[in-house]
Amino acid sequence: MIDALQKWVTLVAATVAAVAGVCNLRWKYRENSDRIRVGCGLIRPQISPGEFLHVVSLCDHPVRIADFGYVMRVGKLLSLPQLDSDEPSDDQRIIYGSSVLESRNATFETGTTLRRQPLGDYAITTSQSRPQIAFRDDTPCWRRLWLRMRIRMKVVYE
């Protein structure tokens, strides 16, 4: 009887230790990964013409934003750094902050005027493989889902 009880206690202790080890490993992995939040518009509301996006760092280590821009109606990602290199004389571009977010809650905001209104914004850091996406409030839920799937499939197959 005592031998069987001892085996059960050993099994429970080993299971608890394994679960704790996996949780600790996941916690350490998430601690070192880049986490950002992307949003539409400016953080500090100002009256400025154009479309704006903001990025907020959610991690304690420095994060470099590799690419950022807008999600257009057909699922195309309009990259603002690429647009700057294609059309360097854009005087309408407004930037607040740096694309290197040094600490938690550091922000980067940018915007420009566009002919067509985008449905959302995106940003990706140097260590991420998929963009973080935020949609405007007036974008329907079905279109958000369709665009997320379209962008994810495009990223997977590229």
C-alpha atoms as a PDB file:
ATOM      1  CA  MET A   1       0.000   0.000   0.000  1.00  0.00           C
ATOM      2  CA  ILE A   2       2.743   2.463   0.954  1.00  0.00           C
ATOM      3  CA  ASP A   3       4.773   1.434  -2.112  1.00  0.00           C
ATOM      4  CA  ALA A   4       1.837   2.237  -4.440  1.00  0.00           C
ATOM      5  CA  LEU A   5       1.232   5.589  -2.715  1.00  0.00           C
ATOM      6  CA  GLN A   6       4.907   6.464  -3.035  1.00  0.00           C
ATOM      7  CA  LYS A   7       4.767   5.766  -6.784  1.00  0.00           C
ATOM      8  CA  TRP A   8       1.726   8.018  -7.200  1.00  0.00           C
ATOM      9  CA  VAL A   9       3.393  10.844  -5.260  1.00  0.00           C
ATOM     10  CA  THR A  10       6.500  10.484  -7.426  1.00  0.00           C
ATOM     11  CA  LEU A  11       4.373  10.588 -10.593  1.00  0.00           C
ATOM     12  CA  VAL A  12       2.512  13.719  -9.454  1.00  0.00           C
ATOM     13  CA  ALA A  13       5.757  15.455  -8.441  1.00  0.00           C
ATOM     14  CA  ALA A  14       7.384  14.638 -11.794  1.00  0.00           C
ATOM     15  CA  THR A  15       4.329  15.925 -13.682  1.00  0.00           C
ATOM     16  CA  VAL A  16       4.267  19.183 -11.702  1.00  0.00           C
ATOM     17  CA  ALA A  17       8.007  19.642 -12.306  1.00  0.00           C
ATOM     18  CA  ALA A  18       7.584  19.056 -16.056  1.00  0.00           C
ATOM     19  CA  VAL A  19       4.728  21.554 -16.302  1.00  0.00           C
ATOM     20  CA  ALA A  20       6.714  24.137 -14.318  1.00  0.00           C
ATOM     21  CA  GLY A  21       9.725  23.607 -16.580  1.00  0.00           C
ATOM     22  CA  VAL A  22       7.681  24.111 -19.752  1.00  0.00           C
ATOM     23  CA  CYS A  23       6.037  27.234 -18.302  1.00  0.00           C
ATOM     24  CA  ASN A  24       9.433  28.649 -17.317  1.00  0.00           C
ATOM     25  CA  LEU A  25      10.863  27.947 -20.771  1.00  0.00           C
ATOM     26  CA  ARG A  26       7.904  29.634 -22.456  1.00  0.00           C
ATOM     27  CA  TRP A  27       8.174  32.625 -20.106  1.00  0.00           C
ATOM     28  CA  LYS A  28      11.899  33.062 -20.878  1.00  0.00           C
ATOM     29  CA  TYR A  29      11.241  32.776 -24.614  1.00  0.00           C
ATOM     30  CA  ARG A  30       8.481  35.417 -24.518  1.00  0.00           C
ATOM     31  CA  GLU A  31      10.662  37.687 -22.401  1.00  0.00           C
ATOM     32  CA  ASN A  32      13.279  37.873 -25.169  1.00  0.00           C
ATOM     33  CA  SER A  33      10.889  38.133 -28.126  1.00  0.00           C
ATOM     34  CA  ASP A  34       9.900  41.462 -29.663  1.00  0.00           C
ATOM     35  CA  ARG A  35       6.389  42.538 -28.775  1.00  0.00           C
ATOM     36  CA  ILE A  36       4.797  45.640 -30.235  1.00  0.00           C
ATOM     37  CA  ARG A  37       1.308  47.060 -30.504  1.00  0.00           C
ATOM     38  CA  VAL A  38       0.229  48.813 -33.691  1.00  0.00           C
ATOM     39  CA  GLY A  39      -2.641  51.249 -33.830  1.00  0.00           C
ATOM     40  CA  CYS A  40      -4.393  53.582 -36.237  1.00  0.00           C
ATOM     41  CA  GLY A  41      -4.066  57.314 -35.785  1.00  0.00           C
ATOM     42  CA  LEU A  42      -1.882  59.369 -33.477  1.00  0.00           C
ATOM     43  CA  ILE A  43      -1.484  58.675 -29.784  1.00  0.00           C
ATOM     44  CA  ARG A  44      -1.717  62.351 -28.939  1.00  0.00           C
ATOM     45  CA  PRO A  45      -4.639  63.607 -31.026  1.00  0.00           C
ATOM     46  CA  GLN A  46      -3.675  66.511 -33.245  1.00  0.00           C
ATOM     47  CA  ILE A  47      -5.348  67.982 -36.252  1.00  0.00           C
ATOM     48  CA  SER A  48      -3.183  66.923 -39.165  1.00  0.00           C
ATOM     49  CA  PRO A  49      -4.296  65.871 -42.627  1.00  0.00           C
ATOM     50  CA  GLY A  50      -3.530  62.347 -43.736  1.00  0.00           C
ATOM     51  CA  GLU A  51      -3.420  58.794 -42.462  1.00  0.00           C
ATOM     52  CA  PHE A  52      -1.388  58.025 -39.341  1.00  0.00           C
ATOM     53  CA  LEU A  53      -0.167  54.952 -37.503  1.00  0.00           C
ATOM     54  CA  HIS A  54       1.586  54.427 -34.195  1.00  0.00           C
ATOM     55  CA  VAL A  55       3.722  51.645 -32.739  1.00  0.00           C
ATOM     56  CA  VAL A  56       4.239  51.048 -29.000  1.00  0.00           C
ATOM     57  CA  SER A  57       6.919  48.769 -27.550  1.00  0.00           C
ATOM     58  CA  LEU A  58       5.652  46.167 -25.065  1.00  0.00           C
ATOM     59  CA  CYS A  59       9.051  44.716 -24.114  1.00  0.00           C
ATOM     60  CA  ASP A  60      11.917  45.792 -21.880  1.00  0.00           C
ATOM     61  CA  HIS A  61      14.728  45.544 -24.449  1.00  0.00           C
ATOM     62  CA  PRO A  62      15.365  47.809 -27.480  1.00  0.00           C
ATOM     63  CA  VAL A  63      13.312  46.993 -30.573  1.00  0.00           C
ATOM     64  CA  ARG A  64      14.024  48.082 -34.152  1.00  0.00           C
ATOM     65  CA  ILE A  65      11.070  48.484 -36.499  1.00  0.00           C
ATOM     66  CA  ALA A  66      12.034  46.979 -39.853  1.00  0.00           C
ATOM     67  CA  ASP A  67       8.938  47.893 -41.869  1.00  0.00           C
ATOM     68  CA  PHE A  68       5.673  49.746 -41.323  1.00  0.00           C
ATOM     69  CA  GLY A  69       2.822  51.058 -43.404  1.00  0.00           C
ATOM     70  CA  TYR A  70      -0.777  50.573 -44.388  1.00  0.00           C
ATOM     71  CA  VAL A  71      -3.084  47.666 -45.223  1.00  0.00           C
ATOM     72  CA  MET A  72      -4.941  48.528 -48.422  1.00  0.00           C
ATOM     73  CA  ARG A  73      -8.360  47.222 -49.559  1.00  0.00           C
ATOM     74  CA  VAL A  74      -7.052  44.293 -51.645  1.00  0.00           C
ATOM     75  CA  GLY A  75      -4.702  43.033 -48.927  1.00  0.00           C
ATOM     76  CA  LYS A  76      -1.601  44.775 -50.249  1.00  0.00           C
ATOM     77  CA  LEU A  77       0.831  46.108 -47.659  1.00  0.00           C
ATOM     78  CA  LEU A  78       1.895  49.659 -48.597  1.00  0.00           C
ATOM     79  CA  SER A  79       5.326  50.065 -47.021  1.00  0.00           C
ATOM     80  CA  LEU A  80       6.178  53.658 -46.045  1.00  0.00           C
ATOM     81  CA  PRO A  81       9.987  53.099 -46.127  1.00  0.00           C
ATOM     82  CA  GLN A  82       9.588  51.678 -49.649  1.00  0.00           C
ATOM     83  CA  LEU A  83       7.357  54.613 -50.610  1.00  0.00           C
ATOM     84  CA  ASP A  84      10.035  57.013 -49.301  1.00  0.00           C
ATOM     85  CA  SER A  85      12.709  55.350 -51.415  1.00  0.00           C
ATOM     86  CA  ASP A  86      10.469  55.401 -54.510  1.00  0.00           C
ATOM     87  CA  GLU A  87       9.262  58.998 -54.020  1.00  0.00           C
ATOM     88  CA  PRO A  88      11.871  60.831 -51.907  1.00  0.00           C
ATOM     89  CA  SER A  89      10.293  64.273 -52.373  1.00  0.00           C
ATOM     90  CA  ASP A  90       7.245  63.560 -50.188  1.00  0.00           C
ATOM     91  CA  ASP A  91       6.818  66.711 -48.104  1.00  0.00           C
ATOM     92  CA  GLN A  92       3.606  65.448 -46.512  1.00  0.00           C
ATOM     93  CA  ARG A  93       5.354  62.825 -44.318  1.00  0.00           C
ATOM     94  CA  ILE A  94       5.195  63.480 -40.558  1.00  0.00           C
ATOM     95  CA  ILE A  95       7.288  61.457 -38.072  1.00  0.00           C
ATOM     96  CA  TYR A  96       7.273  61.554 -34.272  1.00  0.00           C
ATOM     97  CA  GLY A  97       9.857  59.429 -32.466  1.00  0.00           C
ATOM     98  CA  SER A  98      12.448  56.977 -33.721  1.00  0.00           C
ATOM     99  CA  SER A  99      12.076  53.599 -35.408  1.00  0.00           C
ATOM    100  CA  VAL A 100      14.297  52.195 -32.634  1.00  0.00           C
ATOM    101  CA  LEU A 101      12.130  51.790 -29.537  1.00  0.00           C
ATOM    102  CA  GLU A 102      14.582  51.846 -26.622  1.00  0.00           C
ATOM    103  CA  SER A 103      12.316  50.862 -23.708  1.00  0.00           C
ATOM    104  CA  ARG A 104       8.843  49.687 -22.719  1.00  0.00           C
ATOM    105  CA  ASN A 105       6.089  52.097 -23.822  1.00  0.00           C
ATOM    106  CA  ALA A 106       8.399  53.940 -26.244  1.00  0.00           C
ATOM    107  CA  THR A 107       6.386  55.152 -29.226  1.00  0.00           C
ATOM    108  CA  PHE A 108       6.840  55.796 -32.924  1.00  0.00           C
ATOM    109  CA  GLU A 109       4.220  57.692 -34.926  1.00  0.00           C
ATOM    110  CA  THR A 110       4.140  58.520 -38.606  1.00  0.00           C
ATOM    111  CA  GLY A 111       1.720  59.488 -41.307  1.00  0.00           C
ATOM    112  CA  THR A 112       1.288  60.783 -44.811  1.00  0.00           C
ATOM    113  CA  THR A 113      -1.468  61.752 -47.197  1.00  0.00           C
ATOM    114  CA  LEU A 114      -2.808  59.055 -49.490  1.00  0.00           C
ATOM    115  CA  ARG A 115      -5.280  59.074 -52.371  1.00  0.00           C
ATOM    116  CA  ARG A 116      -7.149  56.051 -51.044  1.00  0.00           C
ATOM    117  CA  GLN A 117      -7.974  55.474 -47.410  1.00  0.00           C
ATOM    118  CA  PRO A 118      -6.315  52.340 -45.986  1.00  0.00           C
ATOM    119  CA  LEU A 119      -8.271  49.814 -43.938  1.00  0.00           C
ATOM    120  CA  GLY A 120      -5.520  49.311 -41.370  1.00  0.00           C
ATOM    121  CA  ASP A 121      -1.882  49.631 -40.392  1.00  0.00           C
ATOM    122  CA  TYR A 122       0.976  47.198 -39.918  1.00  0.00           C
ATOM    123  CA  ALA A 123       4.479  47.085 -38.475  1.00  0.00           C
ATOM    124  CA  ILE A 124       7.123  44.398 -38.157  1.00  0.00           C
ATOM    125  CA  THR A 125      10.331  44.307 -36.134  1.00  0.00           C
ATOM    126  CA  THR A 126      13.669  42.884 -37.221  1.00  0.00           C
ATOM    127  CA  SER A 127      13.138  39.621 -35.310  1.00  0.00           C
ATOM    128  CA  GLN A 128       9.497  38.978 -36.268  1.00  0.00           C
ATOM    129  CA  SER A 129       8.416  36.917 -39.259  1.00  0.00           C
ATOM    130  CA  ARG A 130       4.828  38.208 -39.522  1.00  0.00           C
ATOM    131  CA  PRO A 131       3.540  41.768 -39.349  1.00  0.00           C
ATOM    132  CA  GLN A 132       1.450  43.030 -36.456  1.00  0.00           C
ATOM    133  CA  ILE A 133      -1.798  44.390 -37.905  1.00  0.00           C
ATOM    134  CA  ALA A 134      -4.369  46.875 -36.612  1.00  0.00           C
ATOM    135  CA  PHE A 135      -7.561  47.807 -38.429  1.00  0.00           C
ATOM    136  CA  ARG A 136      -9.618  50.974 -38.403  1.00  0.00           C
ATOM    137  CA  ASP A 137     -12.776  50.870 -36.300  1.00  0.00           C
ATOM    138  CA  ASP A 138     -15.051  51.152 -39.332  1.00  0.00           C
ATOM    139  CA  THR A 139     -13.584  48.058 -41.062  1.00  0.00           C
ATOM    140  CA  PRO A 140     -16.154  45.215 -41.015  1.00  0.00           C
ATOM    141  CA  CYS A 141     -15.237  42.035 -39.123  1.00  0.00           C
ATOM    142  CA  TRP A 142     -15.550  39.807 -42.202  1.00  0.00           C
ATOM    143  CA  ARG A 143     -13.122  42.032 -44.112  1.00  0.00           C
ATOM    144  CA  ARG A 144     -10.635  42.009 -41.200  1.00  0.00           C
ATOM    145  CA  LEU A 145     -10.678  38.215 -41.159  1.00  0.00           C
ATOM    146  CA  TRP A 146     -10.324  38.011 -44.954  1.00  0.00           C
ATOM    147  CA  LEU A 147      -7.399  40.493 -44.955  1.00  0.00           C
ATOM    148  CA  ARG A 148      -5.618  38.729 -42.081  1.00  0.00           C
ATOM    149  CA  MET A 149      -5.854  35.391 -43.901  1.00  0.00           C
ATOM    150  CA  ARG A 150      -4.726  36.945 -47.186  1.00  0.00           C
ATOM    151  CA  ILE A 151      -1.723  38.667 -45.568  1.00  0.00           C
ATOM    152  CA  ARG A 152      -0.763  35.554 -43.610  1.00  0.00           C
ATOM    153  CA  MET A 153      -0.886  33.403 -46.756  1.00  0.00           C
ATOM    154  CA  LYS A 154       1.182  35.977 -48.639  1.00  0.00           C
ATOM    155  CA  VAL A 155       3.827  36.034 -45.863  1.00  0.00           C
ATOM    156  CA  VAL A 156       3.947  32.224 -45.665  1.00  0.00           C
ATOM    157  CA  TYR A 157       4.442  31.727 -49.411  1.00  0.00           C
ATOM    158  CA  GLU A 158       6.974  34.531 -49.957  1.00  0.00           C
END
